[in-house]
Amino acid sequence: MITGLFHHLTCFYKYMNIKKRAKDSLHPLLEARGNIATKDEEKAEVLHSFFASAFSSQTGYSQGSQPPVLEDGEGEWNVILEEEVNNLLCYLDTYKSMGLDGIDTRVLRELAE
């Protein structure tokens, strides 16, 4: 009985040691300026800069930049019908995570009308 318990503890500790081992490090990353980041601190800064720019809390456009224009090749506005938007909202998957706008898909679906 004691040898069986010892065997189980040994297996448990072997398993835990495997799980505790460090994973392979992240591959080198390319900075926005074109430099390659190889040190962990540099990689962290590259990732921080990317996510800070992608998930910025700013809702407006900075001076000198223009919002994207909804035009086709001939310079006319594309027509977006209310029914099309309503149809898309009604079929949203409520189990998916929210988008960049921070609005839960369940809320969008339930308030589509």
PDB file of N, CA and C in Angstrom:
ATOM      1  N   MET A   1       0.814  -1.184   0.000  1.00  0.00           N
ATOM      2  CA  MET A   1       0.000   0.000   0.000  1.00  0.00           C
ATOM      3  C   MET A   1       0.868   1.262   0.000  1.00  0.00           C
ATOM      4  N   ILE A   2       1.913   1.277   0.821  1.00  0.00           N
ATOM      5  CA  ILE A   2       2.805   2.434   0.878  1.00  0.00           C
ATOM      6  C   ILE A   2       3.576   2.572  -0.425  1.00  0.00           C
ATOM      7  N   THR A   3       3.991   1.451  -1.021  1.00  0.00           N
ATOM      8  CA  THR A   3       4.724   1.539  -2.290  1.00  0.00           C
ATOM      9  C   THR A   3       3.820   2.080  -3.395  1.00  0.00           C
ATOM     10  N   GLY A   4       2.528   1.741  -3.386  1.00  0.00           N
ATOM     11  CA  GLY A   4       1.584   2.272  -4.377  1.00  0.00           C
ATOM     12  C   GLY A   4       1.411   3.772  -4.229  1.00  0.00           C
ATOM     13  N   LEU A   5       1.311   4.236  -2.981  1.00  0.00           N
ATOM     14  CA  LEU A   5       1.187   5.665  -2.711  1.00  0.00           C
ATOM     15  C   LEU A   5       2.450   6.391  -3.147  1.00  0.00           C
ATOM     16  N   PHE A   6       3.608   5.807  -2.847  1.00  0.00           N
ATOM     17  CA  PHE A   6       4.883   6.393  -3.254  1.00  0.00           C
ATOM     18  C   PHE A   6       4.955   6.496  -4.776  1.00  0.00           C
ATOM     19  N   HIS A   7       4.503   5.468  -5.462  1.00  0.00           N
ATOM     20  CA  HIS A   7       4.515   5.469  -6.936  1.00  0.00           C
ATOM     21  C   HIS A   7       3.620   6.589  -7.481  1.00  0.00           C
ATOM     22  N   HIS A   8       2.424   6.756  -6.886  1.00  0.00           N
ATOM     23  CA  HIS A   8       1.510   7.798  -7.335  1.00  0.00           C
ATOM     24  C   HIS A   8       2.085   9.182  -7.075  1.00  0.00           C
ATOM     25  N   LEU A   9       2.717   9.377  -5.928  1.00  0.00           N
ATOM     26  CA  LEU A   9       3.338  10.670  -5.633  1.00  0.00           C
ATOM     27  C   LEU A   9       4.477  10.963  -6.600  1.00  0.00           C
ATOM     28  N   THR A  10       5.270   9.942  -6.916  1.00  0.00           N
ATOM     29  CA  THR A  10       6.372  10.122  -7.857  1.00  0.00           C
ATOM     30  C   THR A  10       5.830  10.536  -9.221  1.00  0.00           C
ATOM     31  N   CYS A  11       4.800   9.872  -9.679  1.00  0.00           N
ATOM     32  CA  CYS A  11       4.190  10.212 -10.971  1.00  0.00           C
ATOM     33  C   CYS A  11       3.625  11.627 -10.944  1.00  0.00           C
ATOM     34  N   PHE A  12       2.996  11.985  -9.834  1.00  0.00           N
ATOM     35  CA  PHE A  12       2.428  13.326  -9.693  1.00  0.00           C
ATOM     36  C   PHE A  12       3.516  14.390  -9.791  1.00  0.00           C
ATOM     37  N   TYR A  13       4.615  14.209  -9.068  1.00  0.00           N
ATOM     38  CA  TYR A  13       5.689  15.193  -9.087  1.00  0.00           C
ATOM     39  C   TYR A  13       6.376  15.258 -10.442  1.00  0.00           C
ATOM     40  N   LYS A  14       6.509  14.142 -11.133  1.00  0.00           N
ATOM     41  CA  LYS A  14       7.059  14.161 -12.490  1.00  0.00           C
ATOM     42  C   LYS A  14       6.164  14.988 -13.408  1.00  0.00           C
ATOM     43  N   TYR A  15       4.867  14.766 -13.292  1.00  0.00           N
ATOM     44  CA  TYR A  15       3.899  15.513 -14.100  1.00  0.00           C
ATOM     45  C   TYR A  15       3.978  17.011 -13.804  1.00  0.00           C
ATOM     46  N   MET A  16       4.032  17.369 -12.531  1.00  0.00           N
ATOM     47  CA  MET A  16       4.088  18.782 -12.146  1.00  0.00           C
ATOM     48  C   MET A  16       5.384  19.434 -12.626  1.00  0.00           C
ATOM     49  N   ASN A  17       6.489  18.721 -12.581  1.00  0.00           N
ATOM     50  CA  ASN A  17       7.758  19.269 -13.056  1.00  0.00           C
ATOM     51  C   ASN A  17       7.716  19.536 -14.555  1.00  0.00           C
ATOM     52  N   ILE A  18       7.058  18.669 -15.296  1.00  0.00           N
ATOM     53  CA  ILE A  18       6.918  18.893 -16.734  1.00  0.00           C
ATOM     54  C   ILE A  18       6.097  20.150 -16.987  1.00  0.00           C
ATOM     55  N   LYS A  19       5.021  20.341 -16.240  1.00  0.00           N
ATOM     56  CA  LYS A  19       4.154  21.500 -16.421  1.00  0.00           C
ATOM     57  C   LYS A  19       4.815  22.797 -15.985  1.00  0.00           C
ATOM     58  N   LYS A  20       5.727  22.741 -15.035  1.00  0.00           N
ATOM     59  CA  LYS A  20       6.394  23.937 -14.529  1.00  0.00           C
ATOM     60  C   LYS A  20       7.503  24.429 -15.444  1.00  0.00           C
ATOM     61  N   ARG A  21       7.996  23.570 -16.315  1.00  0.00           N
ATOM     62  CA  ARG A  21       9.102  23.973 -17.181  1.00  0.00           C
ATOM     63  C   ARG A  21       8.690  25.156 -18.049  1.00  0.00           C
ATOM     64  N   ALA A  22       9.630  26.029 -18.273  1.00  0.00           N
ATOM     65  CA  ALA A  22       9.356  27.210 -19.090  1.00  0.00           C
ATOM     66  C   ALA A  22       9.129  26.803 -20.538  1.00  0.00           C
ATOM     67  N   LYS A  23       8.187  27.479 -21.156  1.00  0.00           N
ATOM     68  CA  LYS A  23       7.906  27.239 -22.562  1.00  0.00           C
ATOM     69  C   LYS A  23       8.980  27.924 -23.405  1.00  0.00           C
ATOM     70  N   ASP A  24       9.033  27.549 -24.675  1.00  0.00           N
ATOM     71  CA  ASP A  24       9.955  28.218 -25.584  1.00  0.00           C
ATOM     72  C   ASP A  24       9.645  29.703 -25.597  1.00  0.00           C
ATOM     73  N   SER A  25      10.679  30.494 -25.753  1.00  0.00           N
ATOM     74  CA  SER A  25      10.470  31.939 -25.747  1.00  0.00           C
ATOM     75  C   SER A  25       9.830  32.378 -27.067  1.00  0.00           C
ATOM     76  N   LEU A  26       9.285  33.567 -27.042  1.00  0.00           N
ATOM     77  CA  LEU A  26       8.642  34.155 -28.203  1.00  0.00           C
ATOM     78  C   LEU A  26       9.695  34.462 -29.253  1.00  0.00           C
ATOM     79  N   HIS A  27       9.370  34.221 -30.505  1.00  0.00           N
ATOM     80  CA  HIS A  27      10.292  34.489 -31.602  1.00  0.00           C
ATOM     81  C   HIS A  27      10.579  35.987 -31.680  1.00  0.00           C
ATOM     82  N   PRO A  28      11.660  36.372 -32.349  1.00  0.00           N
ATOM     83  CA  PRO A  28      11.938  37.806 -32.516  1.00  0.00           C
ATOM     84  C   PRO A  28      10.771  38.509 -33.197  1.00  0.00           C
ATOM     85  N   LEU A  29      10.551  39.761 -32.826  1.00  0.00           N
ATOM     86  CA  LEU A  29       9.448  40.552 -33.374  1.00  0.00           C
ATOM     87  C   LEU A  29       9.988  41.744 -34.146  1.00  0.00           C
ATOM     88  N   LEU A  30       9.231  42.180 -35.135  1.00  0.00           N
ATOM     89  CA  LEU A  30       9.607  43.331 -35.942  1.00  0.00           C
ATOM     90  C   LEU A  30       8.916  44.569 -35.383  1.00  0.00           C
ATOM     91  N   GLU A  31       9.714  45.584 -35.015  1.00  0.00           N
ATOM     92  CA  GLU A  31       9.162  46.821 -34.488  1.00  0.00           C
ATOM     93  C   GLU A  31       8.536  47.632 -35.617  1.00  0.00           C
ATOM     94  N   ALA A  32       7.767  48.648 -35.253  1.00  0.00           N
ATOM     95  CA  ALA A  32       7.127  49.519 -36.239  1.00  0.00           C
ATOM     96  C   ALA A  32       8.177  50.264 -37.073  1.00  0.00           C
ATOM     97  N   ARG A  33       9.335  50.540 -36.474  1.00  0.00           N
ATOM     98  CA  ARG A  33      10.400  51.257 -37.188  1.00  0.00           C
ATOM     99  C   ARG A  33      11.242  50.337 -38.053  1.00  0.00           C
ATOM    100  N   GLY A  34      10.972  49.032 -38.019  1.00  0.00           N
ATOM    101  CA  GLY A  34      11.702  48.089 -38.855  1.00  0.00           C
ATOM    102  C   GLY A  34      12.817  47.343 -38.141  1.00  0.00           C
ATOM    103  N   ASN A  35      13.075  47.662 -36.879  1.00  0.00           N
ATOM    104  CA  ASN A  35      14.113  46.969 -36.115  1.00  0.00           C
ATOM    105  C   ASN A  35      13.573  45.640 -35.602  1.00  0.00           C
ATOM    106  N   ILE A  36      14.466  44.688 -35.391  1.00  0.00           N
ATOM    107  CA  ILE A  36      14.074  43.388 -34.859  1.00  0.00           C
ATOM    108  C   ILE A  36      14.317  43.367 -33.358  1.00  0.00           C
ATOM    109  N   ALA A  37      13.278  43.031 -32.598  1.00  0.00           N
ATOM    110  CA  ALA A  37      13.374  42.946 -31.143  1.00  0.00           C
ATOM    111  C   ALA A  37      13.672  41.499 -30.766  1.00  0.00           C
ATOM    112  N   THR A  38      14.791  41.284 -30.068  1.00  0.00           N
ATOM    113  CA  THR A  38      15.177  39.931 -29.678  1.00  0.00           C
ATOM    114  C   THR A  38      15.144  39.723 -28.165  1.00  0.00           C
ATOM    115  N   LYS A  39      15.372  40.773 -27.391  1.00  0.00           N
ATOM    116  CA  LYS A  39      15.348  40.662 -25.929  1.00  0.00           C
ATOM    117  C   LYS A  39      13.905  40.666 -25.442  1.00  0.00           C
ATOM    118  N   ASP A  40      13.671  39.989 -24.323  1.00  0.00           N
ATOM    119  CA  ASP A  40      12.317  39.901 -23.780  1.00  0.00           C
ATOM    120  C   ASP A  40      11.716  41.280 -23.511  1.00  0.00           C
ATOM    121  N   GLU A  41      12.527  42.203 -22.977  1.00  0.00           N
ATOM    122  CA  GLU A  41      12.033  43.540 -22.679  1.00  0.00           C
ATOM    123  C   GLU A  41      11.633  44.264 -23.960  1.00  0.00           C
ATOM    124  N   GLU A  42      12.421  44.113 -25.016  1.00  0.00           N
ATOM    125  CA  GLU A  42      12.107  44.746 -26.297  1.00  0.00           C
ATOM    126  C   GLU A  42      10.826  44.158 -26.886  1.00  0.00           C
ATOM    127  N   LYS A  43      10.677  42.843 -26.792  1.00  0.00           N
ATOM    128  CA  LYS A  43       9.475  42.186 -27.305  1.00  0.00           C
ATOM    129  C   LYS A  43       8.241  42.668 -26.548  1.00  0.00           C
ATOM    130  N   ALA A  44       8.382  42.830 -25.236  1.00  0.00           N
ATOM    131  CA  ALA A  44       7.262  43.313 -24.435  1.00  0.00           C
ATOM    132  C   ALA A  44       6.857  44.720 -24.873  1.00  0.00           C
ATOM    133  N   GLU A  45       7.836  45.561 -25.167  1.00  0.00           N
ATOM    134  CA  GLU A  45       7.545  46.923 -25.620  1.00  0.00           C
ATOM    135  C   GLU A  45       6.851  46.918 -26.979  1.00  0.00           C
ATOM    136  N   VAL A  46       7.299  46.040 -27.887  1.00  0.00           N
ATOM    137  CA  VAL A  46       6.675  45.943 -29.207  1.00  0.00           C
ATOM    138  C   VAL A  46       5.215  45.525 -29.059  1.00  0.00           C
ATOM    139  N   LEU A  47       4.962  44.503 -28.246  1.00  0.00           N
ATOM    140  CA  LEU A  47       3.595  44.034 -28.044  1.00  0.00           C
ATOM    141  C   LEU A  47       2.747  45.094 -27.352  1.00  0.00           C
ATOM    142  N   HIS A  48       3.340  45.783 -26.372  1.00  0.00           N
ATOM    143  CA  HIS A  48       2.616  46.845 -25.672  1.00  0.00           C
ATOM    144  C   HIS A  48       2.215  47.948 -26.649  1.00  0.00           C
ATOM    145  N   SER A  49       3.140  48.378 -27.481  1.00  0.00           N
ATOM    146  CA  SER A  49       2.853  49.444 -28.449  1.00  0.00           C
ATOM    147  C   SER A  49       1.756  49.026 -29.414  1.00  0.00           C
ATOM    148  N   PHE A  50       1.837  47.777 -29.882  1.00  0.00           N
ATOM    149  CA  PHE A  50       0.834  47.300 -30.829  1.00  0.00           C
ATOM    150  C   PHE A  50      -0.554  47.288 -30.199  1.00  0.00           C
ATOM    151  N   PHE A  51      -0.676  46.672 -29.015  1.00  0.00           N
ATOM    152  CA  PHE A  51      -1.992  46.564 -28.399  1.00  0.00           C
ATOM    153  C   PHE A  51      -2.501  47.921 -27.909  1.00  0.00           C
ATOM    154  N   ALA A  52      -1.602  48.802 -27.491  1.00  0.00           N
ATOM    155  CA  ALA A  52      -2.027  50.133 -27.074  1.00  0.00           C
ATOM    156  C   ALA A  52      -2.604  50.903 -28.250  1.00  0.00           C
ATOM    157  N   SER A  53      -2.032  50.721 -29.442  1.00  0.00           N
ATOM    158  CA  SER A  53      -2.550  51.431 -30.616  1.00  0.00           C
ATOM    159  C   SER A  53      -3.819  50.770 -31.141  1.00  0.00           C
ATOM    160  N   ALA A  54      -3.896  49.445 -31.060  1.00  0.00           N
ATOM    161  CA  ALA A  54      -5.064  48.734 -31.591  1.00  0.00           C
ATOM    162  C   ALA A  54      -6.276  48.897 -30.700  1.00  0.00           C
ATOM    163  N   PHE A  55      -6.077  49.006 -29.402  1.00  0.00           N
ATOM    164  CA  PHE A  55      -7.183  49.089 -28.470  1.00  0.00           C
ATOM    165  C   PHE A  55      -7.193  50.425 -27.753  1.00  0.00           C
ATOM    166  N   SER A  56      -6.967  51.480 -28.496  1.00  0.00           N
ATOM    167  CA  SER A  56      -6.961  52.816 -27.943  1.00  0.00           C
ATOM    168  C   SER A  56      -8.372  53.214 -27.517  1.00  0.00           C
ATOM    169  N   SER A  57      -8.471  54.010 -26.472  1.00  0.00           N
ATOM    170  CA  SER A  57      -9.785  54.449 -26.000  1.00  0.00           C
ATOM    171  C   SER A  57     -10.264  55.678 -26.752  1.00  0.00           C
ATOM    172  N   GLN A  58      -9.450  56.197 -27.673  1.00  0.00           N
ATOM    173  CA  GLN A  58      -9.864  57.359 -28.441  1.00  0.00           C
ATOM    174  C   GLN A  58     -10.991  56.968 -29.384  1.00  0.00           C
ATOM    175  N   THR A  59     -11.976  57.834 -29.471  1.00  0.00           N
ATOM    176  CA  THR A  59     -13.079  57.562 -30.376  1.00  0.00           C
ATOM    177  C   THR A  59     -13.054  58.485 -31.584  1.00  0.00           C
ATOM    178  N   GLY A  60     -12.307  59.565 -31.505  1.00  0.00           N
ATOM    179  CA  GLY A  60     -12.256  60.508 -32.617  1.00  0.00           C
ATOM    180  C   GLY A  60     -11.003  60.313 -33.450  1.00  0.00           C
ATOM    181  N   TYR A  61     -10.873  61.162 -34.446  1.00  0.00           N
ATOM    182  CA  TYR A  61      -9.713  61.114 -35.314  1.00  0.00           C
ATOM    183  C   TYR A  61      -8.793  62.264 -34.958  1.00  0.00           C
ATOM    184  N   SER A  62      -7.498  62.027 -35.001  1.00  0.00           N
ATOM    185  CA  SER A  62      -6.545  63.080 -34.670  1.00  0.00           C
ATOM    186  C   SER A  62      -6.566  64.136 -35.765  1.00  0.00           C
ATOM    187  N   GLN A  63      -6.062  65.311 -35.446  1.00  0.00           N
ATOM    188  CA  GLN A  63      -6.046  66.387 -36.419  1.00  0.00           C
ATOM    189  C   GLN A  63      -5.217  65.976 -37.628  1.00  0.00           C
ATOM    190  N   GLY A  64      -5.715  66.295 -38.784  1.00  0.00           N
ATOM    191  CA  GLY A  64      -4.996  65.971 -40.011  1.00  0.00           C
ATOM    192  C   GLY A  64      -5.365  64.625 -40.595  1.00  0.00           C
ATOM    193  N   SER A  65      -5.996  63.762 -39.822  1.00  0.00           N
ATOM    194  CA  SER A  65      -6.407  62.474 -40.374  1.00  0.00           C
ATOM    195  C   SER A  65      -7.901  62.512 -40.640  1.00  0.00           C
ATOM    196  N   GLN A  66      -8.325  61.760 -41.612  1.00  0.00           N
ATOM    197  CA  GLN A  66      -9.726  61.742 -42.010  1.00  0.00           C
ATOM    198  C   GLN A  66     -10.337  60.390 -41.710  1.00  0.00           C
ATOM    199  N   PRO A  67     -11.622  60.354 -41.367  1.00  0.00           N
ATOM    200  CA  PRO A  67     -12.275  59.063 -41.188  1.00  0.00           C
ATOM    201  C   PRO A  67     -12.380  58.343 -42.526  1.00  0.00           C
ATOM    202  N   PRO A  68     -12.507  57.015 -42.514  1.00  0.00           N
ATOM    203  CA  PRO A  68     -12.640  56.297 -43.772  1.00  0.00           C
ATOM    204  C   PRO A  68     -13.905  56.728 -44.502  1.00  0.00           C
ATOM    205  N   VAL A  69     -13.799  56.840 -45.808  1.00  0.00           N
ATOM    206  CA  VAL A  69     -14.916  57.293 -46.621  1.00  0.00           C
ATOM    207  C   VAL A  69     -15.658  56.087 -47.165  1.00  0.00           C
ATOM    208  N   LEU A  70     -16.977  56.097 -47.042  1.00  0.00           N
ATOM    209  CA  LEU A  70     -17.805  55.020 -47.563  1.00  0.00           C
ATOM    210  C   LEU A  70     -18.239  55.360 -48.977  1.00  0.00           C
ATOM    211  N   GLU A  71     -17.339  55.175 -49.913  1.00  0.00           N
ATOM    212  CA  GLU A  71     -17.642  55.479 -51.300  1.00  0.00           C
ATOM    213  C   GLU A  71     -17.259  54.306 -52.170  1.00  0.00           C
ATOM    214  N   ASP A  72     -17.956  54.186 -53.312  1.00  0.00           N
ATOM    215  CA  ASP A  72     -17.526  53.179 -54.271  1.00  0.00           C
ATOM    216  C   ASP A  72     -16.568  53.836 -55.247  1.00  0.00           C
ATOM    217  N   GLY A  73     -16.167  53.131 -56.281  1.00  0.00           N
ATOM    218  CA  GLY A  73     -15.180  53.635 -57.222  1.00  0.00           C
ATOM    219  C   GLY A  73     -15.587  54.897 -57.942  1.00  0.00           C
ATOM    220  N   GLU A  74     -16.905  55.180 -58.088  1.00  0.00           N
ATOM    221  CA  GLU A  74     -17.359  56.349 -58.827  1.00  0.00           C
ATOM    222  C   GLU A  74     -17.625  57.539 -57.929  1.00  0.00           C
ATOM    223  N   GLY A  75     -17.369  57.432 -56.641  1.00  0.00           N
ATOM    224  CA  GLY A  75     -17.537  58.565 -55.739  1.00  0.00           C
ATOM    225  C   GLY A  75     -18.937  58.709 -55.187  1.00  0.00           C
ATOM    226  N   GLU A  76     -19.812  57.727 -55.367  1.00  0.00           N
ATOM    227  CA  GLU A  76     -21.155  57.787 -54.813  1.00  0.00           C
ATOM    228  C   GLU A  76     -21.189  57.014 -53.495  1.00  0.00           C
ATOM    229  N   TRP A  77     -22.068  57.438 -52.609  1.00  0.00           N
ATOM    230  CA  TRP A  77     -22.190  56.769 -51.322  1.00  0.00           C
ATOM    231  C   TRP A  77     -22.820  55.405 -51.496  1.00  0.00           C
ATOM    232  N   ASN A  78     -22.306  54.441 -50.757  1.00  0.00           N
ATOM    233  CA  ASN A  78     -22.948  53.128 -50.721  1.00  0.00           C
ATOM    234  C   ASN A  78     -24.200  53.232 -49.876  1.00  0.00           C
ATOM    235  N   VAL A  79     -25.240  52.549 -50.277  1.00  0.00           N
ATOM    236  CA  VAL A  79     -26.500  52.575 -49.549  1.00  0.00           C
ATOM    237  C   VAL A  79     -26.536  51.380 -48.603  1.00  0.00           C
ATOM    238  N   ILE A  80     -26.737  51.665 -47.336  1.00  0.00           N
ATOM    239  CA  ILE A  80     -26.860  50.612 -46.334  1.00  0.00           C
ATOM    240  C   ILE A  80     -28.297  50.641 -45.849  1.00  0.00           C
ATOM    241  N   LEU A  81     -29.004  49.576 -46.116  1.00  0.00           N
ATOM    242  CA  LEU A  81     -30.414  49.519 -45.753  1.00  0.00           C
ATOM    243  C   LEU A  81     -30.588  49.093 -44.302  1.00  0.00           C
ATOM    244  N   GLU A  82     -31.562  49.702 -43.651  1.00  0.00           N
ATOM    245  CA  GLU A  82     -31.847  49.391 -42.263  1.00  0.00           C
ATOM    246  C   GLU A  82     -32.192  47.914 -42.093  1.00  0.00           C
ATOM    247  N   GLU A  83     -32.908  47.351 -43.059  1.00  0.00           N
ATOM    248  CA  GLU A  83     -33.302  45.948 -42.982  1.00  0.00           C
ATOM    249  C   GLU A  83     -32.088  45.024 -42.997  1.00  0.00           C
ATOM    250  N   GLU A  84     -31.078  45.389 -43.785  1.00  0.00           N
ATOM    251  CA  GLU A  84     -29.869  44.571 -43.859  1.00  0.00           C
ATOM    252  C   GLU A  84     -29.129  44.572 -42.524  1.00  0.00           C
ATOM    253  N   VAL A  85     -29.017  45.743 -41.923  1.00  0.00           N
ATOM    254  CA  VAL A  85     -28.344  45.858 -40.627  1.00  0.00           C
ATOM    255  C   VAL A  85     -29.130  45.086 -39.569  1.00  0.00           C
ATOM    256  N   ASN A  86     -30.452  45.256 -39.580  1.00  0.00           N
ATOM    257  CA  ASN A  86     -31.307  44.553 -38.617  1.00  0.00           C
ATOM    258  C   ASN A  86     -31.162  43.043 -38.780  1.00  0.00           C
ATOM    259  N   ASN A  87     -31.125  42.578 -40.020  1.00  0.00           N
ATOM    260  CA  ASN A  87     -30.980  41.148 -40.285  1.00  0.00           C
ATOM    261  C   ASN A  87     -29.642  40.622 -39.756  1.00  0.00           C
ATOM    262  N   LEU A  88     -28.576  41.374 -39.984  1.00  0.00           N
ATOM    263  CA  LEU A  88     -27.259  40.959 -39.487  1.00  0.00           C
ATOM    264  C   LEU A  88     -27.227  40.921 -37.959  1.00  0.00           C
ATOM    265  N   LEU A  89     -27.823  41.921 -37.327  1.00  0.00           N
ATOM    266  CA  LEU A  89     -27.830  41.969 -35.865  1.00  0.00           C
ATOM    267  C   LEU A  89     -28.647  40.832 -35.262  1.00  0.00           C
ATOM    268  N   CYS A  90     -29.742  40.464 -35.921  1.00  0.00           N
ATOM    269  CA  CYS A  90     -30.610  39.406 -35.394  1.00  0.00           C
ATOM    270  C   CYS A  90     -29.947  38.030 -35.436  1.00  0.00           C
ATOM    271  N   TYR A  91     -28.968  37.861 -36.294  1.00  0.00           N
ATOM    272  CA  TYR A  91     -28.302  36.562 -36.408  1.00  0.00           C
ATOM    273  C   TYR A  91     -26.908  36.546 -35.799  1.00  0.00           C
ATOM    274  N   LEU A  92     -26.597  37.527 -34.945  1.00  0.00           N
ATOM    275  CA  LEU A  92     -25.306  37.526 -34.253  1.00  0.00           C
ATOM    276  C   LEU A  92     -25.218  36.335 -33.310  1.00  0.00           C
ATOM    277  N   ASP A  93     -24.042  35.745 -33.233  1.00  0.00           N
ATOM    278  CA  ASP A  93     -23.806  34.637 -32.302  1.00  0.00           C
ATOM    279  C   ASP A  93     -23.549  35.229 -30.922  1.00  0.00           C
ATOM    280  N   THR A  94     -24.471  35.008 -30.006  1.00  0.00           N
ATOM    281  CA  THR A  94     -24.369  35.613 -28.673  1.00  0.00           C
ATOM    282  C   THR A  94     -23.297  34.965 -27.809  1.00  0.00           C
ATOM    283  N   TYR A  95     -22.715  33.884 -28.279  1.00  0.00           N
ATOM    284  CA  TYR A  95     -21.651  33.229 -27.520  1.00  0.00           C
ATOM    285  C   TYR A  95     -20.266  33.734 -27.916  1.00  0.00           C
ATOM    286  N   LYS A  96     -20.208  34.621 -28.887  1.00  0.00           N
ATOM    287  CA  LYS A  96     -18.934  35.214 -29.294  1.00  0.00           C
ATOM    288  C   LYS A  96     -18.617  36.394 -28.385  1.00  0.00           C
ATOM    289  N   SER A  97     -17.345  36.741 -28.313  1.00  0.00           N
ATOM    290  CA  SER A  97     -16.957  37.866 -27.464  1.00  0.00           C
ATOM    291  C   SER A  97     -17.297  39.183 -28.145  1.00  0.00           C
ATOM    292  N   MET A  98     -17.304  40.245 -27.343  1.00  0.00           N
ATOM    293  CA  MET A  98     -17.643  41.560 -27.875  1.00  0.00           C
ATOM    294  C   MET A  98     -16.541  42.062 -28.794  1.00  0.00           C
ATOM    295  N   GLY A  99     -16.892  42.992 -29.653  1.00  0.00           N
ATOM    296  CA  GLY A  99     -15.944  43.555 -30.598  1.00  0.00           C
ATOM    297  C   GLY A  99     -15.175  44.716 -29.998  1.00  0.00           C
ATOM    298  N   LEU A 100     -14.480  45.456 -30.869  1.00  0.00           N
ATOM    299  CA  LEU A 100     -13.681  46.591 -30.412  1.00  0.00           C
ATOM    300  C   LEU A 100     -14.538  47.706 -29.838  1.00  0.00           C
ATOM    301  N   ASP A 101     -15.819  47.732 -30.196  1.00  0.00           N
ATOM    302  CA  ASP A 101     -16.694  48.765 -29.662  1.00  0.00           C
ATOM    303  C   ASP A 101     -17.067  48.527 -28.206  1.00  0.00           C
ATOM    304  N   GLY A 102     -16.787  47.319 -27.682  1.00  0.00           N
ATOM    305  CA  GLY A 102     -17.061  47.011 -26.289  1.00  0.00           C
ATOM    306  C   GLY A 102     -18.512  46.679 -25.998  1.00  0.00           C
ATOM    307  N   ILE A 103     -19.314  46.485 -27.040  1.00  0.00           N
ATOM    308  CA  ILE A 103     -20.734  46.166 -26.839  1.00  0.00           C
ATOM    309  C   ILE A 103     -20.917  44.660 -26.969  1.00  0.00           C
ATOM    310  N   ASP A 104     -21.532  44.063 -25.966  1.00  0.00           N
ATOM    311  CA  ASP A 104     -21.759  42.630 -25.956  1.00  0.00           C
ATOM    312  C   ASP A 104     -22.696  42.242 -27.100  1.00  0.00           C
ATOM    313  N   THR A 105     -22.414  41.111 -27.754  1.00  0.00           N
ATOM    314  CA  THR A 105     -23.224  40.682 -28.897  1.00  0.00           C
ATOM    315  C   THR A 105     -24.664  40.383 -28.489  1.00  0.00           C
ATOM    316  N   ARG A 106     -24.866  39.942 -27.280  1.00  0.00           N
ATOM    317  CA  ARG A 106     -26.243  39.686 -26.804  1.00  0.00           C
ATOM    318  C   ARG A 106     -27.050  40.973 -26.759  1.00  0.00           C
ATOM    319  N   VAL A 107     -26.414  42.052 -26.315  1.00  0.00           N
ATOM    320  CA  VAL A 107     -27.083  43.366 -26.262  1.00  0.00           C
ATOM    321  C   VAL A 107     -27.436  43.820 -27.671  1.00  0.00           C
ATOM    322  N   LEU A 108     -26.487  43.699 -28.601  1.00  0.00           N
ATOM    323  CA  LEU A 108     -26.742  44.108 -29.978  1.00  0.00           C
ATOM    324  C   LEU A 108     -27.897  43.322 -30.586  1.00  0.00           C
ATOM    325  N   ARG A 109     -27.910  42.054 -30.317  1.00  0.00           N
ATOM    326  CA  ARG A 109     -28.966  41.196 -30.891  1.00  0.00           C
ATOM    327  C   ARG A 109     -30.326  41.507 -30.290  1.00  0.00           C
ATOM    328  N   GLU A 110     -30.390  41.668 -28.969  1.00  0.00           N
ATOM    329  CA  GLU A 110     -31.667  41.906 -28.316  1.00  0.00           C
ATOM    330  C   GLU A 110     -32.225  43.302 -28.610  1.00  0.00           C
ATOM    331  N   LEU A 111     -31.346  44.263 -28.909  1.00  0.00           N
ATOM    332  CA  LEU A 111     -31.803  45.628 -29.177  1.00  0.00           C
ATOM    333  C   LEU A 111     -31.747  45.979 -30.654  1.00  0.00           C
ATOM    334  N   ALA A 112     -31.735  44.970 -31.515  1.00  0.00           N
ATOM    335  CA  ALA A 112     -31.605  45.188 -32.951  1.00  0.00           C
ATOM    336  C   ALA A 112     -32.717  46.081 -33.501  1.00  0.00           C
ATOM    337  N   GLU A 113     -33.928  45.883 -33.042  1.00  0.00           N
ATOM    338  CA  GLU A 113     -35.044  46.666 -33.573  1.00  0.00           C
ATOM    339  C   GLU A 113     -34.997  48.084 -33.049  1.00  0.00           C
TER     340      GLU A 113
END
